[in-house]
Amino acid sequence: MPPATPPLRLAALVLALITVFAIAWLGLPGRTTPIREGPAPVARLFSAPIGGMDQYLLIRGQDRGNPVLLWLHGGPGAAQMPLAHATTAALEADFTVVHWDQRGAGRSNPFDFDEASMSIERFLSDAHEVTRLVQDLLEVEQLVLLGHSWGAMLGARLAARHPEDYAAFIGVGQPVNTARGVELSLAWLQERGHFTDARPADFVDHARYVELMQRVEAEGGGIGLPARQLARLAFRAQEYSLMDYLRWLRGARRGSGPMWEEYRRQDLFAELTEMPVPLFLISGAHDMNTPARLSAEWLRMVSAPMGKHHFLFEDSGHAPFLSEPERFAETLRDIARELGLR
């Protein structure tokens, strides 16, 4: 065989370098950048035994004396940690921000993960364990609890069950009643010429529900950011290795499937009529994944003796922290000031 030509040698070298880089990245552990500013900074990425398995937390802030914000991500399975640098870095001067990869999500999604362990009660128990862990680590009595989408459904129940642990609950893209949400989303899509012969009962199956939500996203009623833009944001995270991204994608694709029958029956109108902590909802006016109309209706109905307020972001859909990040950060600062935490 004749010797390889220079172009072939170059191609082989490039391929070898790519292979070495990929192998190195595959095994590279995630890390978080130290915080140099502030009087008492904290920047920790670690695992802890939660609910019988290792689950991962990221804690970042410029001052341990600031109020602690515990962020419950959506999905289930859509871990927020790889977007922390893009969504909550602006809050690190005013809060100590805690991101937690829930069971079956991101770094807490091992390849032998038991999907049968997914239930609302299990997630609630895990979330309370995380709360107690954070209270002990940061030596605080109460956290500000924020939930997005699925995390807001979880958070509302958690705050109502353990009000002594939370200074307030903030629901972003608040799910209220899955069945009624499907009705509103379907009617909105039918006005745009989609699923014209369908009925809400056609989306009882999880696969059909996912199909409906994918169409909502395509029509501008979801997060509202192109997938490529989200991927560019997410893949800048130092906290995730290549293997962690693969775990993240598997968890996001799984979604609520293993607990769908329980998930689709959720109904805050029936289950949660009183909120014993200050209640704040943040909705995107264009959100048809968890329609803002339902969030407003529940807020009017629920009794909240310590106060309640609804912030409507006119230029946002299902993720106001991505579409209007500056206003979102300032809104959280305003809430902290209203609560007397700043």
Protein backbone atom coordinates (compact mmCIF):
# COMPACT_ATOMS: atom_id res chain seq x y z
CA MET A 1 0.00 0.00 0.00
CA PRO A 2 1.44 3.43 -0.91
CA PRO A 3 2.16 5.83 1.95
CA ALA A 4 -0.66 8.13 2.99
CA THR A 5 -0.76 11.47 1.22
CA PRO A 6 -0.39 14.62 3.34
CA PRO A 7 -4.16 15.40 3.22
CA LEU A 8 -4.92 11.90 4.47
CA ARG A 9 -2.35 12.25 7.23
CA LEU A 10 -3.91 15.57 8.23
CA ALA A 11 -7.39 14.04 8.26
CA ALA A 12 -6.16 11.14 10.39
CA LEU A 13 -4.50 13.59 12.79
CA VAL A 14 -7.67 15.69 13.08
CA LEU A 15 -9.75 12.56 13.69
CA ALA A 16 -7.31 11.37 16.35
CA LEU A 17 -7.40 14.76 18.09
CA ILE A 18 -11.20 14.81 18.03
CA THR A 19 -11.27 11.30 19.46
CA VAL A 20 -8.84 12.21 22.25
CA PHE A 21 -10.83 15.38 23.02
CA ALA A 22 -14.12 13.48 23.09
CA ILE A 23 -12.72 10.79 25.41
CA ALA A 24 -11.23 13.45 27.68
CA TRP A 25 -14.52 15.41 27.79
CA LEU A 26 -16.44 12.21 28.41
CA GLY A 27 -14.52 11.59 31.59
CA LEU A 28 -14.06 15.23 32.63
CA PRO A 29 -15.89 15.86 35.91
CA GLY A 30 -18.24 18.82 36.11
CA ARG A 31 -17.12 21.79 38.17
CA THR A 32 -18.38 25.23 39.02
CA THR A 33 -16.39 28.45 38.73
CA PRO A 34 -15.32 29.95 42.07
CA ILE A 35 -16.94 33.25 43.02
CA ARG A 36 -14.36 35.90 43.91
CA GLU A 37 -16.75 38.78 44.65
CA GLY A 38 -18.78 39.46 47.75
CA PRO A 39 -18.18 39.27 51.49
CA ALA A 40 -18.87 35.55 51.97
CA PRO A 41 -19.10 33.78 48.60
CA VAL A 42 -20.16 30.19 48.08
CA ALA A 43 -19.81 28.05 44.95
CA ARG A 44 -20.41 24.34 45.47
CA LEU A 45 -21.34 21.49 43.14
CA PHE A 46 -21.85 18.23 45.02
CA SER A 47 -23.96 15.13 45.47
CA ALA A 48 -25.85 14.04 48.56
CA PRO A 49 -27.89 10.94 49.44
CA ILE A 50 -31.49 12.03 48.90
CA GLY A 51 -34.39 9.59 48.87
CA GLY A 52 -32.13 6.54 48.66
CA MET A 53 -29.98 7.75 45.74
CA ASP A 54 -27.26 10.30 45.02
CA GLN A 55 -28.72 13.58 43.82
CA TYR A 56 -26.79 16.69 42.78
CA LEU A 57 -26.97 20.28 43.95
CA LEU A 58 -25.34 23.51 42.79
CA ILE A 59 -25.11 26.36 45.31
CA ARG A 60 -23.83 29.77 44.19
CA GLY A 61 -23.91 33.25 45.67
CA GLN A 62 -21.72 36.19 46.64
CA ASP A 63 -22.84 36.34 50.26
CA ARG A 64 -24.05 33.50 52.46
CA GLY A 65 -26.00 36.13 54.38
CA ASN A 66 -28.31 36.75 51.42
CA PRO A 67 -31.72 35.07 51.20
CA VAL A 68 -31.54 31.53 49.84
CA LEU A 69 -33.48 30.81 46.64
CA LEU A 70 -34.24 27.13 46.00
CA TRP A 71 -35.15 26.59 42.33
CA LEU A 72 -37.30 23.55 41.47
CA HIS A 73 -36.91 22.82 37.78
CA GLY A 74 -39.57 21.69 35.33
CA GLY A 75 -40.16 18.49 33.43
CA PRO A 76 -40.07 16.21 35.29
CA GLY A 77 -36.58 15.69 33.94
CA ALA A 78 -35.78 19.15 32.54
CA ALA A 79 -32.89 19.97 34.88
CA GLN A 80 -32.11 23.69 35.14
CA MET A 81 -28.50 23.35 36.31
CA PRO A 82 -26.90 23.57 32.84
CA LEU A 83 -28.77 26.85 32.28
CA ALA A 84 -27.86 28.33 35.67
CA HIS A 85 -25.14 30.54 34.19
CA ALA A 86 -27.70 31.99 31.78
CA THR A 87 -30.73 32.21 34.06
CA THR A 88 -29.64 32.91 37.63
CA ALA A 89 -26.06 34.26 37.47
CA ALA A 90 -27.54 37.77 37.63
CA LEU A 91 -29.16 36.86 40.96
CA GLU A 92 -25.98 35.68 42.70
CA ALA A 93 -25.30 39.15 44.13
CA ASP A 94 -28.69 39.23 45.84
CA PHE A 95 -29.48 35.57 46.61
CA THR A 96 -27.69 32.35 47.36
CA VAL A 97 -29.14 30.32 44.51
CA VAL A 98 -29.64 26.56 44.83
CA HIS A 99 -30.26 24.39 41.77
CA TRP A 100 -31.13 20.76 42.37
CA ASP A 101 -31.17 18.04 39.71
CA GLN A 102 -34.23 16.03 40.77
CA ARG A 103 -34.32 12.24 40.55
CA GLY A 104 -34.27 11.17 36.92
CA ALA A 105 -32.95 14.56 35.76
CA GLY A 106 -29.48 15.65 34.65
CA ARG A 107 -26.71 14.54 36.95
CA SER A 108 -29.28 12.76 39.15
CA ASN A 109 -30.26 10.47 36.26
CA PRO A 110 -27.92 7.44 36.40
CA PHE A 111 -28.15 4.89 33.64
CA ASP A 112 -29.67 2.37 36.04
CA PHE A 113 -32.30 4.87 37.26
CA ASP A 114 -35.51 3.20 38.47
CA GLU A 115 -38.38 5.01 36.73
CA ALA A 116 -40.84 3.28 39.06
CA SER A 117 -39.53 5.52 41.83
CA MET A 118 -41.11 8.57 40.16
CA SER A 119 -44.22 9.74 41.99
CA ILE A 120 -45.44 13.09 43.25
CA GLU A 121 -45.12 11.92 46.83
CA ARG A 122 -41.54 10.73 46.27
CA PHE A 123 -40.56 14.05 44.69
CA LEU A 124 -42.16 15.95 47.57
CA SER A 125 -40.21 13.88 50.06
CA ASP A 126 -36.97 14.42 48.12
CA ALA A 127 -37.61 18.18 47.93
CA HIS A 128 -38.10 18.39 51.67
CA GLU A 129 -34.88 16.46 52.26
CA VAL A 130 -33.09 18.93 50.00
CA THR A 131 -34.64 21.82 51.93
CA ARG A 132 -33.37 20.47 55.26
CA LEU A 133 -29.92 19.81 53.79
CA VAL A 134 -29.68 23.38 52.48
CA GLN A 135 -30.94 24.81 55.77
CA ASP A 136 -28.19 22.95 57.62
CA LEU A 137 -25.42 23.78 55.13
CA LEU A 138 -26.21 27.49 54.92
CA GLU A 139 -27.47 27.84 58.50
CA VAL A 140 -30.80 29.44 57.58
CA GLU A 141 -34.30 28.82 58.87
CA GLN A 142 -36.33 29.61 55.75
CA LEU A 143 -35.78 29.49 52.00
CA VAL A 144 -37.50 31.35 49.19
CA LEU A 145 -39.00 28.52 47.15
CA LEU A 146 -39.31 28.98 43.37
CA GLY A 147 -40.76 26.38 41.01
CA HIS A 148 -40.99 26.45 37.24
CA SER A 149 -43.65 24.43 35.39
CA TRP A 150 -43.62 20.91 36.93
CA GLY A 151 -41.44 22.40 39.67
CA ALA A 152 -44.17 24.95 40.42
CA MET A 153 -46.74 22.18 40.78
CA LEU A 154 -44.34 20.48 43.18
CA GLY A 155 -43.44 23.70 44.97
CA ALA A 156 -47.00 24.82 45.64
CA ARG A 157 -47.73 21.55 47.43
CA LEU A 158 -44.40 21.63 49.27
CA ALA A 159 -44.91 25.16 50.59
CA ALA A 160 -48.45 24.36 51.70
CA ARG A 161 -47.26 21.21 53.49
CA HIS A 162 -44.20 22.75 55.22
CA PRO A 163 -44.85 26.50 55.55
CA GLU A 164 -42.37 26.83 58.42
CA ASP A 165 -39.50 26.17 55.98
CA TYR A 166 -40.32 28.80 53.34
CA ALA A 167 -40.41 32.59 53.40
CA ALA A 168 -42.50 32.58 50.20
CA PHE A 169 -43.48 30.50 47.20
CA ILE A 170 -42.94 31.79 43.65
CA GLY A 171 -44.65 29.83 40.88
CA VAL A 172 -43.34 30.44 37.34
CA GLY A 173 -45.47 28.99 34.55
CA GLN A 174 -47.72 27.56 37.25
CA PRO A 175 -49.57 24.34 36.30
CA VAL A 176 -53.04 24.30 37.83
CA ASN A 177 -55.25 21.67 36.20
CA THR A 178 -53.87 19.47 33.41
CA ALA A 179 -57.24 18.61 31.87
CA ARG A 180 -58.40 22.23 31.69
CA GLY A 181 -54.99 23.24 30.40
CA VAL A 182 -55.40 20.76 27.54
CA GLU A 183 -58.81 22.25 26.73
CA LEU A 184 -57.39 25.78 26.51
CA SER A 185 -54.29 24.73 24.56
CA LEU A 186 -56.34 22.71 22.09
CA ALA A 187 -58.84 25.53 21.52
CA TRP A 188 -55.94 27.94 20.92
CA LEU A 189 -54.37 25.57 18.38
CA GLN A 190 -57.67 24.95 16.63
CA GLU A 191 -58.00 28.69 16.07
CA ARG A 192 -54.73 28.34 14.17
CA GLY A 193 -55.92 25.41 12.08
CA HIS A 194 -54.38 22.51 14.00
CA PHE A 195 -56.12 19.42 15.44
CA THR A 196 -59.38 20.76 14.08
CA ASP A 197 -61.25 17.46 14.52
CA ALA A 198 -59.75 16.62 17.91
CA ARG A 199 -61.35 16.70 21.35
CA PRO A 200 -59.64 17.12 24.74
CA ALA A 201 -60.30 13.43 25.46
CA ASP A 202 -58.01 12.54 22.54
CA PHE A 203 -55.00 13.69 24.59
CA VAL A 204 -55.40 11.46 27.63
CA ASP A 205 -52.55 9.29 26.34
CA HIS A 206 -49.10 10.61 27.21
CA ALA A 207 -47.76 10.38 23.66
CA ARG A 208 -50.69 12.44 22.34
CA TYR A 209 -50.22 15.00 25.12
CA VAL A 210 -46.57 15.37 24.14
CA GLU A 211 -47.67 15.83 20.53
CA LEU A 212 -50.05 18.59 21.61
CA MET A 213 -47.35 20.40 23.61
CA GLN A 214 -44.88 20.12 20.74
CA ARG A 215 -47.40 21.86 18.49
CA VAL A 216 -47.96 24.53 21.17
CA GLU A 217 -44.21 25.13 21.18
CA ALA A 218 -44.06 25.28 17.38
CA GLU A 219 -46.87 27.87 17.34
CA GLY A 220 -45.15 30.16 19.84
CA GLY A 221 -47.07 29.22 22.98
CA GLY A 222 -44.18 27.50 24.76
CA ILE A 223 -40.70 28.58 25.79
CA GLY A 224 -40.38 30.62 22.64
CA LEU A 225 -36.63 30.20 22.11
CA PRO A 226 -35.27 28.15 19.19
CA ALA A 227 -33.86 24.77 20.18
CA ARG A 228 -30.46 25.74 18.76
CA GLN A 229 -30.31 28.80 21.01
CA LEU A 230 -31.24 26.75 24.09
CA ALA A 231 -28.60 24.16 23.18
CA ARG A 232 -25.93 26.86 22.81
CA LEU A 233 -26.82 28.21 26.26
CA ALA A 234 -26.92 24.79 27.90
CA PHE A 235 -23.68 23.47 26.41
CA ARG A 236 -21.69 26.31 27.95
CA ALA A 237 -22.20 24.92 31.44
CA GLN A 238 -18.99 23.84 33.18
CA GLU A 239 -21.09 21.95 35.71
CA TYR A 240 -21.90 19.22 33.18
CA SER A 241 -19.63 16.72 31.49
CA LEU A 242 -20.56 15.08 28.19
CA MET A 243 -22.03 12.12 30.06
CA ASP A 244 -24.11 14.52 32.17
CA TYR A 245 -25.57 16.06 29.02
CA LEU A 246 -26.54 12.60 27.81
CA ARG A 247 -28.25 11.97 31.16
CA TRP A 248 -29.95 15.36 30.87
CA LEU A 249 -31.33 14.57 27.41
CA ARG A 250 -32.60 11.16 28.52
CA GLY A 251 -34.40 12.68 31.49
CA ALA A 252 -35.95 15.49 29.46
CA ARG A 253 -37.22 13.03 26.85
CA ARG A 254 -38.68 10.77 29.54
CA GLY A 255 -40.67 13.64 31.03
CA SER A 256 -43.70 12.67 33.08
CA GLY A 257 -44.23 9.40 31.19
CA PRO A 258 -43.62 6.99 34.10
CA MET A 259 -46.03 8.94 36.34
CA TRP A 260 -48.38 10.24 33.66
CA GLU A 261 -51.61 8.94 35.16
CA GLU A 262 -50.87 10.75 38.41
CA TYR A 263 -49.53 13.85 36.65
CA ARG A 264 -52.53 14.34 34.40
CA ARG A 265 -54.96 14.27 37.35
CA GLN A 266 -53.33 17.19 39.15
CA ASP A 267 -55.81 19.91 40.08
CA LEU A 268 -54.87 22.79 42.38
CA PHE A 269 -58.46 24.03 42.37
CA ALA A 270 -59.42 20.94 44.34
CA GLU A 271 -56.17 20.10 46.11
CA LEU A 272 -54.83 23.44 47.28
CA THR A 273 -57.33 26.07 48.32
CA GLU A 274 -55.11 27.82 50.91
CA MET A 275 -51.48 28.93 50.74
CA PRO A 276 -50.02 29.62 54.18
CA VAL A 277 -46.96 31.53 52.89
CA PRO A 278 -46.72 34.65 50.69
CA LEU A 279 -47.65 33.60 47.17
CA PHE A 280 -46.28 35.08 43.94
CA LEU A 281 -47.02 33.87 40.43
CA ILE A 282 -45.03 34.86 37.35
CA SER A 283 -46.68 34.09 34.01
CA GLY A 284 -45.86 34.75 30.38
CA ALA A 285 -48.79 36.29 28.54
CA HIS A 286 -48.14 33.98 25.56
CA ASP A 287 -47.83 30.80 27.63
CA MET A 288 -50.18 28.09 26.34
CA ASN A 289 -48.23 25.22 27.90
CA THR A 290 -49.51 26.23 31.34
CA PRO A 291 -52.00 28.93 30.33
CA ALA A 292 -51.66 32.17 32.28
CA ARG A 293 -55.46 32.38 32.38
CA LEU A 294 -55.63 29.30 34.61
CA SER A 295 -52.88 30.60 36.89
CA ALA A 296 -54.80 33.85 37.36
CA GLU A 297 -58.03 31.96 38.04
CA TRP A 298 -56.40 29.81 40.71
CA LEU A 299 -54.76 32.85 42.31
CA ARG A 300 -58.14 34.57 42.62
CA MET A 301 -59.61 31.45 44.22
CA VAL A 302 -56.86 30.45 46.64
CA SER A 303 -56.84 31.91 50.12
CA ALA A 304 -53.45 33.45 50.93
CA PRO A 305 -53.62 35.28 54.27
CA MET A 306 -49.96 36.39 53.98
CA GLY A 307 -50.51 37.99 50.57
CA LYS A 308 -50.56 37.05 46.90
CA HIS A 309 -49.60 38.74 43.65
CA HIS A 310 -49.51 37.89 39.94
CA PHE A 311 -46.79 39.27 37.63
CA LEU A 312 -47.69 39.03 33.93
CA PHE A 313 -44.78 39.25 31.49
CA GLU A 314 -46.24 40.55 28.24
CA ASP A 315 -43.34 39.48 26.01
CA SER A 316 -42.90 35.98 27.42
CA GLY A 317 -44.22 32.48 27.04
CA HIS A 318 -43.51 29.51 29.29
CA ALA A 319 -40.04 30.67 30.45
CA PRO A 320 -39.98 34.39 31.37
CA PHE A 321 -36.50 33.97 32.88
CA LEU A 322 -35.20 33.24 29.37
CA SER A 323 -37.25 35.70 27.31
CA GLU A 324 -37.16 38.66 29.74
CA PRO A 325 -34.19 37.87 32.01
CA GLU A 326 -33.53 41.41 33.28
CA ARG A 327 -37.14 42.02 34.26
CA PHE A 328 -37.31 38.55 35.80
CA ALA A 329 -34.25 39.17 37.98
CA GLU A 330 -35.56 42.56 39.08
CA THR A 331 -38.95 41.03 39.91
CA LEU A 332 -37.27 38.53 42.25
CA ARG A 333 -35.33 41.35 43.88
CA ASP A 334 -38.59 43.27 44.34
CA ILE A 335 -40.18 40.23 45.96
CA ALA A 336 -37.24 39.90 48.36
CA ARG A 337 -37.58 43.57 49.29
CA GLU A 338 -41.34 43.18 49.80
CA LEU A 339 -40.67 40.24 52.11
CA GLY A 340 -38.13 42.27 54.08
CA LEU A 341 -35.29 39.97 53.06
CA ARG A 342 -33.18 42.76 51.47
